[in-house]
Amino acid sequence: MMDPKVKEEIQRWLTSLNNDPIFKILLKNSNLTKVQAETFLIDVLAEKIVDKRIIYEDKAKLRLIKSGVSRGAFNRTLAQARKNIIRSIYTVILLGYLGVFDDPRLEPYIEISNKICAYREKYRELWETRQVSEKQIKILQTLQNEIEKGLSTLSKSRMLSGKT
């Protein structure tokens, strides 16, 4: 049986993630459904958040729907998510194999990826130190706005056409 405080902490984290505008844009343009992403995150990251092992029966109860889901439904959704993630990774590997990453049209995607990494690191640093100044908040907000605009632009398929 899972500690209710642990369940609450993980669900609060999932809810905050679902409210994150960058996460929303990335998820919308990914190969994962919202349910698959939630299930995969529970499987992969929930144990790191609470720093203890969680059995699959309890992981199934961590889903944000009120009653949770059955272990079988959780495992089926997890299998779908893993399959979609593997296919996405193979797509990236295929593009590398074909030399597509040398195309200058992909540079904006690499740049936005670097901005997201910088944003994540700065956010993590502030979260861990719990010393947040107004200047740091403004920097994060500016970076977040740049990322949101960039992702919205890059999500349009014509970005790869070369006719922007």
N, C-alpha and C. Protein backbone atom coordinates (compact mmCIF):
# COMPACT_ATOMS: atom_id res chain seq x y z
N MET A 1 0.84 -1.20 0.00
CA MET A 1 0.00 0.00 0.00
C MET A 1 0.88 1.25 0.00
N MET A 2 0.55 2.17 -0.88
CA MET A 2 1.34 3.38 -1.02
C MET A 2 0.94 4.44 -0.01
N ASP A 3 1.92 5.13 0.50
CA ASP A 3 1.71 6.24 1.41
C ASP A 3 0.92 7.33 0.67
N PRO A 4 -0.20 7.80 1.23
CA PRO A 4 -1.01 8.83 0.56
C PRO A 4 -0.22 10.10 0.25
N LYS A 5 0.76 10.43 1.09
CA LYS A 5 1.57 11.63 0.84
C LYS A 5 2.43 11.46 -0.41
N VAL A 6 2.93 10.24 -0.63
CA VAL A 6 3.72 9.95 -1.82
C VAL A 6 2.85 10.08 -3.05
N LYS A 7 1.66 9.50 -2.99
CA LYS A 7 0.72 9.59 -4.12
C LYS A 7 0.39 11.05 -4.41
N GLU A 8 0.14 11.81 -3.39
CA GLU A 8 -0.21 13.23 -3.56
C GLU A 8 0.96 14.00 -4.17
N GLU A 9 2.17 13.73 -3.74
CA GLU A 9 3.34 14.43 -4.28
C GLU A 9 3.53 14.13 -5.77
N ILE A 10 3.40 12.87 -6.15
CA ILE A 10 3.58 12.49 -7.55
C ILE A 10 2.45 13.07 -8.40
N GLN A 11 1.23 13.00 -7.92
CA GLN A 11 0.12 13.55 -8.69
C GLN A 11 0.20 15.07 -8.80
N ARG A 12 0.70 15.73 -7.77
CA ARG A 12 0.89 17.18 -7.83
C ARG A 12 1.94 17.52 -8.90
N TRP A 13 3.00 16.70 -8.95
CA TRP A 13 4.03 16.90 -9.97
C TRP A 13 3.46 16.70 -11.37
N LEU A 14 2.65 15.63 -11.56
CA LEU A 14 2.04 15.37 -12.86
C LEU A 14 1.11 16.51 -13.27
N THR A 15 0.33 17.00 -12.32
CA THR A 15 -0.59 18.10 -12.60
C THR A 15 0.18 19.35 -12.99
N SER A 16 1.26 19.64 -12.27
CA SER A 16 2.04 20.83 -12.62
C SER A 16 2.67 20.67 -14.01
N LEU A 17 3.08 19.47 -14.33
CA LEU A 17 3.65 19.21 -15.65
C LEU A 17 2.59 19.43 -16.73
N ASN A 18 1.38 18.96 -16.49
CA ASN A 18 0.30 19.14 -17.45
C ASN A 18 -0.07 20.61 -17.65
N ASN A 19 0.30 21.46 -16.68
CA ASN A 19 0.04 22.90 -16.79
C ASN A 19 1.22 23.66 -17.37
N ASP A 20 2.32 22.98 -17.60
CA ASP A 20 3.53 23.60 -18.13
C ASP A 20 3.34 23.83 -19.64
N PRO A 21 3.39 25.10 -20.09
CA PRO A 21 3.14 25.39 -21.50
C PRO A 21 4.15 24.73 -22.45
N ILE A 22 5.39 24.63 -22.02
CA ILE A 22 6.40 23.99 -22.89
C ILE A 22 6.09 22.50 -23.02
N PHE A 23 5.75 21.86 -21.91
CA PHE A 23 5.38 20.44 -21.95
C PHE A 23 4.19 20.24 -22.88
N LYS A 24 3.19 21.12 -22.79
CA LYS A 24 1.99 20.99 -23.62
C LYS A 24 2.33 21.04 -25.11
N ILE A 25 3.17 21.99 -25.49
CA ILE A 25 3.54 22.12 -26.90
C ILE A 25 4.32 20.89 -27.37
N LEU A 26 5.28 20.46 -26.54
CA LEU A 26 6.09 19.30 -26.91
C LEU A 26 5.22 18.05 -27.02
N LEU A 27 4.32 17.85 -26.06
CA LEU A 27 3.46 16.67 -26.07
C LEU A 27 2.53 16.69 -27.29
N LYS A 28 1.96 17.86 -27.58
CA LYS A 28 1.03 17.98 -28.71
C LYS A 28 1.69 17.55 -30.02
N ASN A 29 2.98 17.83 -30.14
CA ASN A 29 3.69 17.54 -31.37
C ASN A 29 4.53 16.26 -31.29
N SER A 30 4.30 15.48 -30.27
CA SER A 30 5.04 14.22 -30.12
C SER A 30 4.21 13.06 -30.66
N ASN A 31 4.76 11.86 -30.53
CA ASN A 31 4.04 10.64 -30.92
C ASN A 31 3.32 10.00 -29.74
N LEU A 32 3.24 10.71 -28.62
CA LEU A 32 2.59 10.16 -27.43
C LEU A 32 1.27 10.86 -27.17
N THR A 33 0.31 10.09 -26.68
CA THR A 33 -0.92 10.71 -26.19
C THR A 33 -0.63 11.22 -24.78
N LYS A 34 -1.52 12.04 -24.27
CA LYS A 34 -1.37 12.56 -22.91
C LYS A 34 -1.33 11.40 -21.89
N VAL A 35 -2.20 10.42 -22.08
CA VAL A 35 -2.27 9.26 -21.18
C VAL A 35 -0.99 8.44 -21.25
N GLN A 36 -0.47 8.24 -22.47
CA GLN A 36 0.77 7.48 -22.62
C GLN A 36 1.93 8.21 -21.95
N ALA A 37 2.00 9.53 -22.13
CA ALA A 37 3.08 10.30 -21.51
C ALA A 37 2.98 10.22 -19.99
N GLU A 38 1.79 10.39 -19.46
CA GLU A 38 1.58 10.32 -18.02
C GLU A 38 1.99 8.95 -17.48
N THR A 39 1.58 7.90 -18.16
CA THR A 39 1.89 6.54 -17.74
C THR A 39 3.39 6.28 -17.79
N PHE A 40 4.03 6.70 -18.88
CA PHE A 40 5.47 6.50 -19.01
C PHE A 40 6.23 7.28 -17.94
N LEU A 41 5.81 8.51 -17.68
CA LEU A 41 6.47 9.32 -16.66
C LEU A 41 6.33 8.70 -15.27
N ILE A 42 5.16 8.16 -15.00
CA ILE A 42 4.97 7.47 -13.72
C ILE A 42 5.93 6.30 -13.62
N ASP A 43 6.03 5.54 -14.70
CA ASP A 43 6.90 4.36 -14.68
C ASP A 43 8.37 4.74 -14.53
N VAL A 44 8.80 5.77 -15.23
CA VAL A 44 10.22 6.09 -15.28
C VAL A 44 10.67 7.05 -14.18
N LEU A 45 9.86 8.05 -13.88
CA LEU A 45 10.33 9.11 -12.99
C LEU A 45 9.73 9.13 -11.59
N ALA A 46 8.61 8.48 -11.38
CA ALA A 46 7.95 8.54 -10.07
C ALA A 46 8.87 8.05 -8.95
N GLU A 47 9.59 6.98 -9.21
CA GLU A 47 10.48 6.44 -8.18
C GLU A 47 11.61 7.41 -7.85
N LYS A 48 12.06 8.17 -8.84
CA LYS A 48 13.11 9.15 -8.59
C LYS A 48 12.60 10.29 -7.73
N ILE A 49 11.35 10.67 -7.92
CA ILE A 49 10.78 11.78 -7.16
C ILE A 49 10.69 11.43 -5.68
N VAL A 50 10.22 10.22 -5.38
CA VAL A 50 10.03 9.83 -3.98
C VAL A 50 11.21 9.03 -3.43
N ASP A 51 12.17 8.73 -4.30
CA ASP A 51 13.39 8.02 -3.91
C ASP A 51 13.11 6.66 -3.24
N LYS A 52 12.15 5.93 -3.82
CA LYS A 52 11.88 4.57 -3.35
C LYS A 52 11.18 3.79 -4.45
N ARG A 53 11.26 2.48 -4.36
CA ARG A 53 10.65 1.60 -5.36
C ARG A 53 9.14 1.60 -5.23
N ILE A 54 8.45 1.58 -6.38
CA ILE A 54 6.99 1.56 -6.41
C ILE A 54 6.56 0.38 -7.26
N ILE A 55 5.71 -0.48 -6.74
CA ILE A 55 5.24 -1.64 -7.50
C ILE A 55 4.21 -1.19 -8.54
N TYR A 56 4.03 -2.00 -9.59
CA TYR A 56 3.14 -1.62 -10.70
C TYR A 56 1.69 -1.45 -10.26
N GLU A 57 1.26 -2.21 -9.31
CA GLU A 57 -0.10 -2.04 -8.80
C GLU A 57 -0.30 -0.63 -8.26
N ASP A 58 0.71 -0.12 -7.53
CA ASP A 58 0.63 1.24 -7.00
C ASP A 58 0.86 2.29 -8.09
N LYS A 59 1.72 1.99 -9.05
CA LYS A 59 1.92 2.94 -10.16
C LYS A 59 0.62 3.17 -10.90
N ALA A 60 -0.16 2.11 -11.06
CA ALA A 60 -1.45 2.24 -11.76
C ALA A 60 -2.39 3.19 -11.02
N LYS A 61 -2.25 3.25 -9.71
CA LYS A 61 -3.10 4.13 -8.90
C LYS A 61 -2.62 5.57 -8.90
N LEU A 62 -1.45 5.81 -9.46
CA LEU A 62 -0.91 7.17 -9.50
C LEU A 62 -1.46 8.00 -10.65
N ARG A 63 -2.10 7.35 -11.61
CA ARG A 63 -2.68 8.10 -12.73
C ARG A 63 -3.60 9.17 -12.19
N LEU A 64 -3.77 10.24 -12.93
CA LEU A 64 -4.51 11.40 -12.44
C LEU A 64 -6.02 11.21 -12.41
N ILE A 65 -6.53 10.17 -13.07
CA ILE A 65 -7.97 9.94 -12.95
C ILE A 65 -8.25 9.45 -11.53
N LYS A 66 -9.38 9.81 -11.01
CA LYS A 66 -9.67 9.66 -9.60
C LYS A 66 -9.42 8.25 -9.06
N SER A 67 -9.88 7.24 -9.75
CA SER A 67 -9.77 5.88 -9.25
C SER A 67 -8.49 5.18 -9.66
N GLY A 68 -7.65 5.88 -10.43
CA GLY A 68 -6.48 5.20 -11.00
C GLY A 68 -6.96 4.27 -12.10
N VAL A 69 -6.13 3.33 -12.48
CA VAL A 69 -6.52 2.35 -13.48
C VAL A 69 -6.06 0.98 -12.99
N SER A 70 -6.52 -0.05 -13.66
CA SER A 70 -6.06 -1.38 -13.29
C SER A 70 -4.60 -1.54 -13.70
N ARG A 71 -3.93 -2.49 -13.08
CA ARG A 71 -2.55 -2.76 -13.43
C ARG A 71 -2.44 -3.16 -14.90
N GLY A 72 -3.41 -3.93 -15.39
CA GLY A 72 -3.41 -4.36 -16.79
C GLY A 72 -3.54 -3.19 -17.75
N ALA A 73 -4.45 -2.26 -17.46
CA ALA A 73 -4.62 -1.08 -18.31
C ALA A 73 -3.36 -0.22 -18.27
N PHE A 74 -2.78 -0.08 -17.09
CA PHE A 74 -1.54 0.69 -16.95
C PHE A 74 -0.45 0.07 -17.81
N ASN A 75 -0.30 -1.25 -17.73
CA ASN A 75 0.75 -1.94 -18.48
C ASN A 75 0.51 -1.88 -19.99
N ARG A 76 -0.76 -1.95 -20.44
CA ARG A 76 -1.04 -1.83 -21.87
C ARG A 76 -0.69 -0.43 -22.38
N THR A 77 -1.07 0.59 -21.62
CA THR A 77 -0.74 1.96 -22.02
C THR A 77 0.76 2.18 -22.00
N LEU A 78 1.42 1.62 -21.00
CA LEU A 78 2.88 1.74 -20.91
C LEU A 78 3.55 1.08 -22.12
N ALA A 79 3.04 -0.08 -22.53
CA ALA A 79 3.60 -0.76 -23.71
C ALA A 79 3.41 0.09 -24.96
N GLN A 80 2.25 0.73 -25.11
CA GLN A 80 2.01 1.61 -26.26
C GLN A 80 2.97 2.80 -26.24
N ALA A 81 3.16 3.38 -25.06
CA ALA A 81 4.07 4.52 -24.94
C ALA A 81 5.50 4.11 -25.30
N ARG A 82 5.94 2.98 -24.77
CA ARG A 82 7.29 2.52 -25.06
C ARG A 82 7.48 2.27 -26.56
N LYS A 83 6.46 1.67 -27.19
CA LYS A 83 6.54 1.40 -28.63
C LYS A 83 6.66 2.72 -29.40
N ASN A 84 5.86 3.71 -29.04
CA ASN A 84 5.92 5.01 -29.72
C ASN A 84 7.25 5.70 -29.49
N ILE A 85 7.80 5.59 -28.30
CA ILE A 85 9.09 6.20 -28.00
C ILE A 85 10.20 5.52 -28.80
N ILE A 86 10.18 4.21 -28.84
CA ILE A 86 11.18 3.47 -29.60
C ILE A 86 11.11 3.85 -31.08
N ARG A 87 9.89 3.96 -31.62
CA ARG A 87 9.73 4.34 -33.02
C ARG A 87 10.27 5.75 -33.27
N SER A 88 10.04 6.64 -32.33
CA SER A 88 10.56 8.01 -32.46
C SER A 88 12.09 8.01 -32.45
N ILE A 89 12.66 7.23 -31.57
CA ILE A 89 14.13 7.14 -31.50
C ILE A 89 14.68 6.57 -32.80
N TYR A 90 14.02 5.55 -33.33
CA TYR A 90 14.47 4.98 -34.60
C TYR A 90 14.34 5.99 -35.74
N THR A 91 13.34 6.85 -35.67
CA THR A 91 13.20 7.90 -36.69
C THR A 91 14.40 8.85 -36.63
N VAL A 92 14.79 9.22 -35.43
CA VAL A 92 15.95 10.10 -35.27
C VAL A 92 17.21 9.41 -35.77
N ILE A 93 17.37 8.14 -35.43
CA ILE A 93 18.54 7.37 -35.89
C ILE A 93 18.54 7.28 -37.42
N LEU A 94 17.39 7.03 -38.01
CA LEU A 94 17.27 6.96 -39.47
C LEU A 94 17.68 8.28 -40.12
N LEU A 95 17.20 9.38 -39.56
CA LEU A 95 17.55 10.69 -40.11
C LEU A 95 19.06 10.93 -40.03
N GLY A 96 19.66 10.50 -38.93
CA GLY A 96 21.12 10.60 -38.80
C GLY A 96 21.82 9.75 -39.83
N TYR A 97 21.34 8.54 -40.02
CA TYR A 97 21.93 7.61 -40.99
C TYR A 97 21.88 8.18 -42.41
N LEU A 98 20.77 8.85 -42.70
CA LEU A 98 20.58 9.41 -44.04
C LEU A 98 21.29 10.76 -44.22
N GLY A 99 21.88 11.27 -43.15
CA GLY A 99 22.61 12.53 -43.24
C GLY A 99 21.73 13.77 -43.20
N VAL A 100 20.51 13.60 -42.78
CA VAL A 100 19.56 14.72 -42.77
C VAL A 100 19.95 15.78 -41.74
N PHE A 101 20.64 15.41 -40.68
CA PHE A 101 20.98 16.38 -39.64
C PHE A 101 21.97 17.44 -40.12
N ASP A 102 22.59 17.21 -41.27
CA ASP A 102 23.50 18.20 -41.84
C ASP A 102 22.74 19.29 -42.59
N ASP A 103 21.44 19.10 -42.79
CA ASP A 103 20.62 20.06 -43.52
C ASP A 103 20.41 21.31 -42.65
N PRO A 104 20.69 22.49 -43.18
CA PRO A 104 20.54 23.72 -42.39
C PRO A 104 19.11 23.99 -41.91
N ARG A 105 18.15 23.37 -42.55
CA ARG A 105 16.75 23.57 -42.11
C ARG A 105 16.50 23.00 -40.72
N LEU A 106 17.37 22.12 -40.23
CA LEU A 106 17.20 21.53 -38.89
C LEU A 106 17.86 22.36 -37.79
N GLU A 107 18.67 23.34 -38.16
CA GLU A 107 19.36 24.15 -37.16
C GLU A 107 18.41 24.79 -36.15
N PRO A 108 17.26 25.34 -36.57
CA PRO A 108 16.35 25.93 -35.56
C PRO A 108 15.87 24.90 -34.52
N TYR A 109 15.73 23.64 -34.92
CA TYR A 109 15.30 22.61 -33.99
C TYR A 109 16.39 22.31 -32.96
N ILE A 110 17.62 22.33 -33.42
CA ILE A 110 18.75 22.10 -32.52
C ILE A 110 18.89 23.29 -31.56
N GLU A 111 18.71 24.49 -32.07
CA GLU A 111 18.78 25.69 -31.22
C GLU A 111 17.71 25.66 -30.14
N ILE A 112 16.49 25.30 -30.50
CA ILE A 112 15.41 25.28 -29.50
C ILE A 112 15.67 24.18 -28.48
N SER A 113 16.24 23.09 -28.92
CA SER A 113 16.59 22.02 -28.00
C SER A 113 17.61 22.50 -26.97
N ASN A 114 18.59 23.26 -27.43
CA ASN A 114 19.60 23.82 -26.52
C ASN A 114 18.98 24.81 -25.54
N LYS A 115 18.03 25.62 -26.01
CA LYS A 115 17.34 26.56 -25.13
C LYS A 115 16.54 25.81 -24.07
N ILE A 116 15.90 24.72 -24.47
CA ILE A 116 15.11 23.94 -23.52
C ILE A 116 16.03 23.33 -22.45
N CYS A 117 17.19 22.85 -22.86
CA CYS A 117 18.16 22.30 -21.90
C CYS A 117 18.61 23.38 -20.91
N ALA A 118 18.89 24.56 -21.41
CA ALA A 118 19.31 25.66 -20.54
C ALA A 118 18.19 26.03 -19.58
N TYR A 119 16.97 26.08 -20.08
CA TYR A 119 15.81 26.40 -19.25
C TYR A 119 15.64 25.35 -18.15
N ARG A 120 15.71 24.07 -18.53
CA ARG A 120 15.54 22.98 -17.57
C ARG A 120 16.61 23.05 -16.48
N GLU A 121 17.86 23.29 -16.87
CA GLU A 121 18.95 23.36 -15.90
C GLU A 121 18.79 24.54 -14.95
N LYS A 122 18.41 25.69 -15.48
CA LYS A 122 18.21 26.86 -14.63
C LYS A 122 17.04 26.63 -13.68
N TYR A 123 15.98 26.01 -14.18
CA TYR A 123 14.82 25.72 -13.35
C TYR A 123 15.20 24.75 -12.23
N ARG A 124 15.94 23.71 -12.59
CA ARG A 124 16.37 22.71 -11.61
C ARG A 124 17.26 23.35 -10.54
N GLU A 125 18.17 24.22 -10.99
CA GLU A 125 19.07 24.91 -10.06
C GLU A 125 18.28 25.75 -9.06
N LEU A 126 17.30 26.49 -9.55
CA LEU A 126 16.49 27.32 -8.67
C LEU A 126 15.65 26.47 -7.72
N TRP A 127 15.15 25.37 -8.23
CA TRP A 127 14.33 24.47 -7.42
C TRP A 127 15.15 23.87 -6.28
N GLU A 128 16.38 23.46 -6.59
CA GLU A 128 17.23 22.81 -5.58
C GLU A 128 17.74 23.80 -4.55
N THR A 129 18.10 25.01 -4.96
CA THR A 129 18.64 25.99 -4.01
C THR A 129 17.54 26.72 -3.26
N ARG A 130 16.36 26.76 -3.84
CA ARG A 130 15.21 27.45 -3.26
C ARG A 130 15.52 28.92 -2.95
N GLN A 131 16.46 29.46 -3.70
CA GLN A 131 16.81 30.88 -3.57
C GLN A 131 16.47 31.55 -4.89
N VAL A 132 15.29 32.10 -4.95
CA VAL A 132 14.79 32.65 -6.20
C VAL A 132 14.68 34.17 -6.07
N SER A 133 15.36 34.87 -6.97
CA SER A 133 15.26 36.32 -7.00
C SER A 133 14.31 36.72 -8.12
N GLU A 134 13.89 37.96 -8.07
CA GLU A 134 13.00 38.46 -9.12
C GLU A 134 13.70 38.46 -10.48
N LYS A 135 15.00 38.75 -10.47
CA LYS A 135 15.79 38.75 -11.70
C LYS A 135 15.80 37.35 -12.32
N GLN A 136 15.99 36.33 -11.49
CA GLN A 136 16.02 34.95 -11.99
C GLN A 136 14.66 34.54 -12.56
N ILE A 137 13.60 34.97 -11.91
CA ILE A 137 12.25 34.66 -12.40
C ILE A 137 12.04 35.30 -13.76
N LYS A 138 12.48 36.55 -13.92
CA LYS A 138 12.33 37.24 -15.21
C LYS A 138 13.13 36.54 -16.30
N ILE A 139 14.32 36.08 -15.96
CA ILE A 139 15.14 35.36 -16.94
C ILE A 139 14.43 34.08 -17.37
N LEU A 140 13.90 33.33 -16.40
CA LEU A 140 13.17 32.10 -16.73
C LEU A 140 11.94 32.39 -17.56
N GLN A 141 11.20 33.43 -17.22
CA GLN A 141 9.99 33.77 -17.98
C GLN A 141 10.33 34.17 -19.41
N THR A 142 11.40 34.93 -19.57
CA THR A 142 11.82 35.34 -20.91
C THR A 142 12.22 34.12 -21.72
N LEU A 143 13.00 33.24 -21.12
CA LEU A 143 13.43 32.03 -21.80
C LEU A 143 12.23 31.15 -22.14
N GLN A 144 11.29 31.04 -21.21
CA GLN A 144 10.09 30.24 -21.45
C GLN A 144 9.30 30.81 -22.62
N ASN A 145 9.13 32.13 -22.66
CA ASN A 145 8.39 32.76 -23.76
C ASN A 145 9.08 32.52 -25.11
N GLU A 146 10.41 32.65 -25.13
CA GLU A 146 11.17 32.39 -26.36
C GLU A 146 10.97 30.94 -26.82
N ILE A 147 11.01 30.03 -25.87
CA ILE A 147 10.85 28.61 -26.19
C ILE A 147 9.45 28.34 -26.73
N GLU A 148 8.44 28.88 -26.06
CA GLU A 148 7.06 28.67 -26.51
C GLU A 148 6.85 29.19 -27.94
N LYS A 149 7.33 30.39 -28.21
CA LYS A 149 7.19 30.97 -29.56
C LYS A 149 7.94 30.12 -30.57
N GLY A 150 9.17 29.74 -30.22
CA GLY A 150 9.97 28.93 -31.13
C GLY A 150 9.33 27.59 -31.43
N LEU A 151 8.82 26.93 -30.39
CA LEU A 151 8.18 25.63 -30.60
C LEU A 151 6.93 25.75 -31.45
N SER A 152 6.16 26.79 -31.21
CA SER A 152 4.94 26.98 -32.01
C SER A 152 5.29 27.17 -33.48
N THR A 153 6.33 27.93 -33.74
CA THR A 153 6.77 28.15 -35.11
C THR A 153 7.28 26.85 -35.73
N LEU A 154 8.12 26.14 -34.99
CA LEU A 154 8.75 24.93 -35.52
C LEU A 154 7.77 23.76 -35.69
N SER A 155 6.62 23.83 -35.03
CA SER A 155 5.66 22.72 -35.13
C SER A 155 4.91 22.72 -36.47
N LYS A 156 5.05 23.77 -37.23
CA LYS A 156 4.39 23.84 -38.54
C LYS A 156 5.22 23.07 -39.56
N SER A 157 4.59 22.17 -40.29
CA SER A 157 5.32 21.29 -41.21
C SER A 157 6.04 22.06 -42.31
N ARG A 158 5.60 23.26 -42.63
CA ARG A 158 6.26 24.00 -43.70
C ARG A 158 7.67 24.44 -43.30
N MET A 159 8.01 24.33 -42.00
CA MET A 159 9.35 24.69 -41.55
C MET A 159 10.41 23.81 -42.21
N LEU A 160 10.07 22.61 -42.54
CA LEU A 160 11.04 21.72 -43.18
C LEU A 160 11.01 21.80 -44.70
N SER A 161 10.09 22.59 -45.23
CA SER A 161 9.98 22.68 -46.69
C SER A 161 11.04 23.58 -47.30
N GLY A 162 11.63 24.46 -46.48
CA GLY A 162 12.59 25.41 -47.00
C GLY A 162 11.93 26.65 -47.54
N LYS A 163 10.59 26.71 -47.44
CA LYS A 163 9.83 27.85 -47.97
C LYS A 163 9.08 28.55 -46.83
N THR A 164 9.80 28.99 -45.82
CA THR A 164 9.17 29.59 -44.64
C THR A 164 8.67 30.95 -44.85
